Protein backbone atom coordinates (compact mmCIF):
# COMPACT_ATOMS: atom_id res chain seq x y z
CA MET A 1 94.34 68.58 141.22
CA GLY A 2 91.53 71.04 141.92
CA LYS A 3 88.50 70.76 144.11
CA ALA A 4 85.96 68.14 143.09
CA THR A 5 82.36 68.67 142.14
CA VAL A 6 80.55 65.40 142.74
CA LYS A 7 76.95 64.30 142.70
CA ASN A 8 75.41 63.71 146.11
CA PHE A 9 74.01 60.20 145.76
CA ASP A 10 72.32 60.55 149.16
CA GLY A 11 69.96 63.03 147.53
CA GLY A 12 70.38 65.93 149.97
CA GLN A 13 66.73 65.61 151.03
CA ALA A 14 65.13 65.65 154.45
CA ASP A 15 65.77 62.55 156.49
CA ASP A 16 62.35 60.90 156.29
CA GLY A 17 61.98 57.12 156.32
CA ALA A 18 61.93 56.71 152.54
CA ASP A 19 65.10 58.74 152.06
CA VAL A 20 66.94 56.84 154.80
CA SER A 21 65.93 53.52 153.26
CA ALA A 22 67.04 54.65 149.79
CA ARG A 23 70.42 55.73 151.11
CA GLN A 24 70.89 52.47 152.96
CA ILE A 25 70.00 50.46 149.86
CA ASN A 26 72.42 52.51 147.78
CA ARG A 27 75.22 51.98 150.29
CA LEU A 28 74.62 48.25 150.42
CA LYS A 29 74.64 48.16 146.62
CA ARG A 30 77.95 49.99 146.41
CA LEU A 31 79.51 47.76 149.08
CA TYR A 32 78.33 44.74 147.13
CA GLU A 33 79.97 46.15 144.00
CA LEU A 34 83.20 46.55 145.96
CA SER A 35 82.97 42.98 147.24
CA LEU A 36 82.78 41.68 143.66
CA LEU A 37 86.32 42.94 142.97
CA MET A 38 87.90 39.86 144.54
CA SER A 39 90.80 39.36 142.13
CA GLY A 40 92.97 41.21 139.69
CA ASP A 41 94.87 44.41 140.31
CA PRO A 42 94.41 45.74 143.89
CA MET A 43 94.70 49.25 142.43
CA GLU A 44 91.28 48.70 140.88
CA VAL A 45 89.87 48.07 144.34
CA PHE A 46 91.57 51.18 145.74
CA SER A 47 90.23 53.38 142.93
CA HIS A 48 86.73 51.93 143.28
CA ALA A 49 86.78 52.45 147.06
CA ALA A 50 87.95 56.07 146.77
CA ARG A 51 85.25 56.92 144.23
CA MET A 52 82.56 55.09 146.20
CA ILE A 53 83.37 57.01 149.40
CA GLY A 54 83.47 60.34 147.62
CA GLU A 55 80.11 59.82 145.95
CA LEU A 56 78.25 58.22 148.86
CA LEU A 57 79.39 60.74 151.47
CA ALA A 58 79.43 63.73 149.09
CA VAL A 59 82.92 64.96 149.94
CA LYS A 60 85.19 66.92 147.62
CA VAL A 61 88.32 64.78 147.88
CA VAL A 62 89.24 61.27 149.03
CA CYS A 63 92.93 60.40 149.46
CA LEU A 64 93.80 56.73 149.90
CA SER A 65 97.39 56.68 151.12
CA GLU A 66 99.77 53.83 151.88
CA ILE A 67 102.21 54.31 154.76
CA GLN A 68 105.73 53.71 153.45
CA GLY A 69 108.26 54.24 156.21
CA GLU A 70 107.88 57.84 157.38
CA ASN A 71 105.90 58.94 154.32
CA LEU A 72 102.35 58.84 153.00
CA GLN A 73 102.17 57.65 149.40
CA PHE A 74 98.95 58.78 147.70
CA ILE A 75 98.07 55.66 145.74
CA SER A 76 94.51 56.62 144.78
CA VAL A 77 92.94 60.08 144.94
CA TYR A 78 89.35 60.97 144.05
CA ALA A 79 88.94 64.64 143.09
CA GLN A 80 86.87 66.59 140.58
CA GLY A 81 84.94 63.40 139.89
CA GLU A 82 88.13 61.75 138.63
CA ILE A 83 90.58 59.18 139.99
CA TYR A 84 94.32 59.89 140.11
CA THR A 85 96.89 57.19 140.96
CA ASP A 86 100.46 57.56 142.21
CA ALA A 87 99.64 61.15 143.12
CA GLY A 88 102.81 61.91 145.07
CA SER A 89 103.75 61.69 148.72
CA CYS A 90 104.37 63.73 151.85
CA PRO A 91 105.86 63.20 155.33
CA LEU A 92 103.37 61.38 157.54
CA ALA A 93 104.32 63.30 160.68
CA VAL A 94 103.09 66.69 159.40
CA THR A 95 99.61 65.38 158.52
CA PRO A 96 96.48 64.58 160.55
CA CYS A 97 96.84 61.04 159.19
CA ALA A 98 99.58 60.56 161.79
CA THR A 99 96.94 60.83 164.54
CA VAL A 100 94.88 58.15 162.76
CA ALA A 101 97.91 55.84 162.50
CA LEU A 102 98.72 56.39 166.17
CA SER A 103 95.20 55.80 167.48
CA LYS A 104 94.29 53.08 164.93
CA ASP A 105 90.85 54.65 164.79
CA ILE A 106 88.81 57.22 162.87
CA ARG A 107 89.58 60.88 163.48
CA VAL A 108 87.34 63.81 162.47
CA ILE A 109 88.96 67.26 162.52
CA GLN A 110 87.49 70.63 161.59
CA ASN A 111 89.54 73.63 160.43
CA VAL A 112 92.18 71.06 159.58
CA ALA A 113 94.38 73.07 157.19
CA ALA A 114 94.97 75.68 159.89
CA GLN A 115 95.89 73.00 162.42
CA PHE A 116 98.30 71.22 160.05
CA PRO A 117 99.84 74.03 157.96
CA ARG A 118 102.78 71.90 156.79
CA ALA A 119 100.55 69.33 155.08
CA ALA A 120 100.67 70.66 151.51
CA PHE A 121 97.79 68.52 150.22
CA LEU A 122 95.43 70.09 152.78
CA GLN A 123 96.35 73.57 151.57
CA ALA A 124 96.06 72.49 147.91
CA HIS A 125 92.47 71.33 148.44
CA ASN A 126 91.54 74.22 150.76
CA ALA A 127 90.54 71.58 153.30
CA PHE A 128 88.37 72.58 156.23
CA SER A 129 86.90 69.27 157.35
CA TYR A 130 88.90 66.04 157.60
CA CYS A 131 87.83 62.48 158.33
CA GLY A 132 90.58 59.85 158.32
CA PHE A 133 90.25 56.12 158.85
CA PRO A 134 92.91 53.39 159.06
CA ALA A 135 93.54 50.11 157.25
CA LEU A 136 95.33 47.40 159.23
CA ASP A 137 97.29 44.36 158.11
CA ASN A 138 96.98 40.88 159.59
CA ALA A 139 99.41 41.81 162.37
CA GLY A 140 97.28 44.78 163.44
CA LYS A 141 99.67 47.38 162.03
CA VAL A 142 98.26 50.46 160.29
CA VAL A 143 99.40 50.20 156.66
CA ALA A 144 97.21 52.89 155.10
CA VAL A 145 95.09 55.90 155.98
CA THR A 146 92.24 57.13 153.82
CA CYS A 147 91.06 60.68 154.39
CA LEU A 148 87.96 62.55 153.29
CA LEU A 149 88.42 66.29 152.70
CA ASP A 150 85.93 69.07 152.17
CA ASP A 151 86.23 72.86 152.00
CA ARG A 152 83.27 73.29 154.35
CA PRO A 153 82.16 71.79 157.67
CA HIS A 154 81.04 68.21 157.17
CA ASP A 155 79.34 66.03 159.78
CA PHE A 156 79.62 62.24 159.75
CA SER A 157 76.95 60.01 161.24
CA GLU A 158 77.59 56.74 163.02
CA GLN A 159 76.41 54.97 159.88
CA ASP A 160 78.96 56.94 157.86
CA LEU A 161 81.74 55.89 160.24
CA GLU A 162 80.65 52.26 160.17
CA LEU A 163 80.76 52.34 156.37
CA LEU A 164 84.32 53.69 156.52
CA ARG A 165 85.38 50.95 158.96
CA ILE A 166 84.09 48.30 156.55
CA VAL A 167 85.92 49.87 153.62
CA GLY A 168 89.06 50.19 155.78
CA GLN A 169 89.03 46.43 156.40
CA ARG A 170 88.85 45.78 152.67
CA ILE A 171 91.68 48.22 151.93
CA GLY A 172 93.85 46.45 154.50
CA MET A 173 93.17 43.08 152.85
CA GLU A 174 94.02 44.43 149.40
CA LEU A 175 97.23 46.10 150.58
CA GLU A 176 98.28 42.81 152.14
CA ARG A 177 97.63 41.07 148.81
CA LYS A 178 99.43 43.84 146.91
CA ARG A 179 102.53 43.51 149.09
CA LEU A 180 102.54 39.71 148.81
CA ASP A 181 102.33 40.03 145.02
CA GLU A 182 105.21 42.51 145.01
CA GLN A 183 107.30 40.19 147.20
CA LYS A 184 106.54 37.27 144.89
CA GLU A 185 107.56 39.30 141.83
CA ALA A 186 110.79 40.40 143.54
CA THR A 187 111.60 36.81 144.51
CA LEU A 188 110.99 35.55 140.97
CA ALA A 189 113.12 38.36 139.53
CA ALA A 190 115.95 37.54 141.94
CA LEU A 191 115.69 33.83 141.09
CA LYS A 192 115.81 34.59 137.37
CA ALA A 193 118.86 36.82 137.83
CA SER A 194 120.58 34.10 139.89
CA GLU A 195 119.85 31.48 137.23
CA GLN A 196 121.27 33.74 134.53
CA GLN A 197 124.39 34.34 136.61
CA ASN A 198 124.87 30.62 137.21
CA ARG A 199 124.40 29.94 133.50
CA LEU A 200 127.05 32.53 132.67
CA ILE A 201 129.49 30.96 135.12
CA LEU A 202 128.88 27.48 133.74
CA ASP A 203 129.25 28.53 130.11
CA ASN A 204 132.53 30.31 130.78
CA ALA A 205 134.10 27.52 132.84
CA GLY A 206 137.14 25.86 131.22
CA ASP A 207 136.13 22.38 132.34
CA GLY A 208 133.08 20.46 131.26
CA ILE A 209 130.39 20.54 133.94
CA ILE A 210 127.36 18.26 134.08
CA ILE A 211 124.73 18.62 136.81
CA LEU A 212 122.57 15.61 137.71
CA ASN A 213 119.28 15.64 139.60
CA GLU A 214 118.38 13.31 142.49
CA GLN A 215 117.40 10.58 140.05
CA GLY A 216 120.77 10.71 138.35
CA LEU A 217 119.41 12.32 135.21
CA ILE A 218 121.18 15.21 133.52
CA GLU A 219 119.64 18.47 134.63
CA SER A 220 122.10 20.93 133.12
CA PHE A 221 125.47 21.13 131.45
CA ASN A 222 127.77 23.78 130.05
CA ARG A 223 129.11 24.39 126.55
CA THR A 224 132.43 22.69 127.26
CA ALA A 225 130.64 19.48 128.22
CA GLN A 226 128.92 19.46 124.83
CA LYS A 227 132.22 19.09 122.99
């Protein structure tokens, strides 16, 4: 992925009252759009959040990364005005995201690629400024870090940081839902495999086997019992 060229939805104008109000209205509108994505694939929420951050804060790249063991898995990346999913991984420890996970708070770092030379994604995007914010699960554990990258110095206002905290809460909720869905799918797959194995054992048994439920009704039987 190359560096992104994105439209600055904040307008890039002087900070008079009208411009501030317009930016605030735009941010509230985009947050409302994010809030409408209440069901369906969590990946849609991640992609929408990454694009929203990139456009509202006019940064080149946004990497939304799930923490999986000792690695960062890039699950949604906004760059060049496009969204990329499942964009690879890297060791958490060599990245500035490790400081975000440790502190459970936002971290802003300038000249970041020089400070973290082993983080390949920083070098790939020629990153100078970095702003990372965490997403926590219900137990208060950091489960994801989203970082904003730019190839030039980039300042973030208190309003910017508050916006990122709100989005971080939503990302944490969606990751929790994503993991619960994955656990449910794994449980159903294991149950199906177990049922198939039991069916195979029953059908290959030499004796007739009939299984009754609590009401004494036949629930299952094997091929031998049919004869």
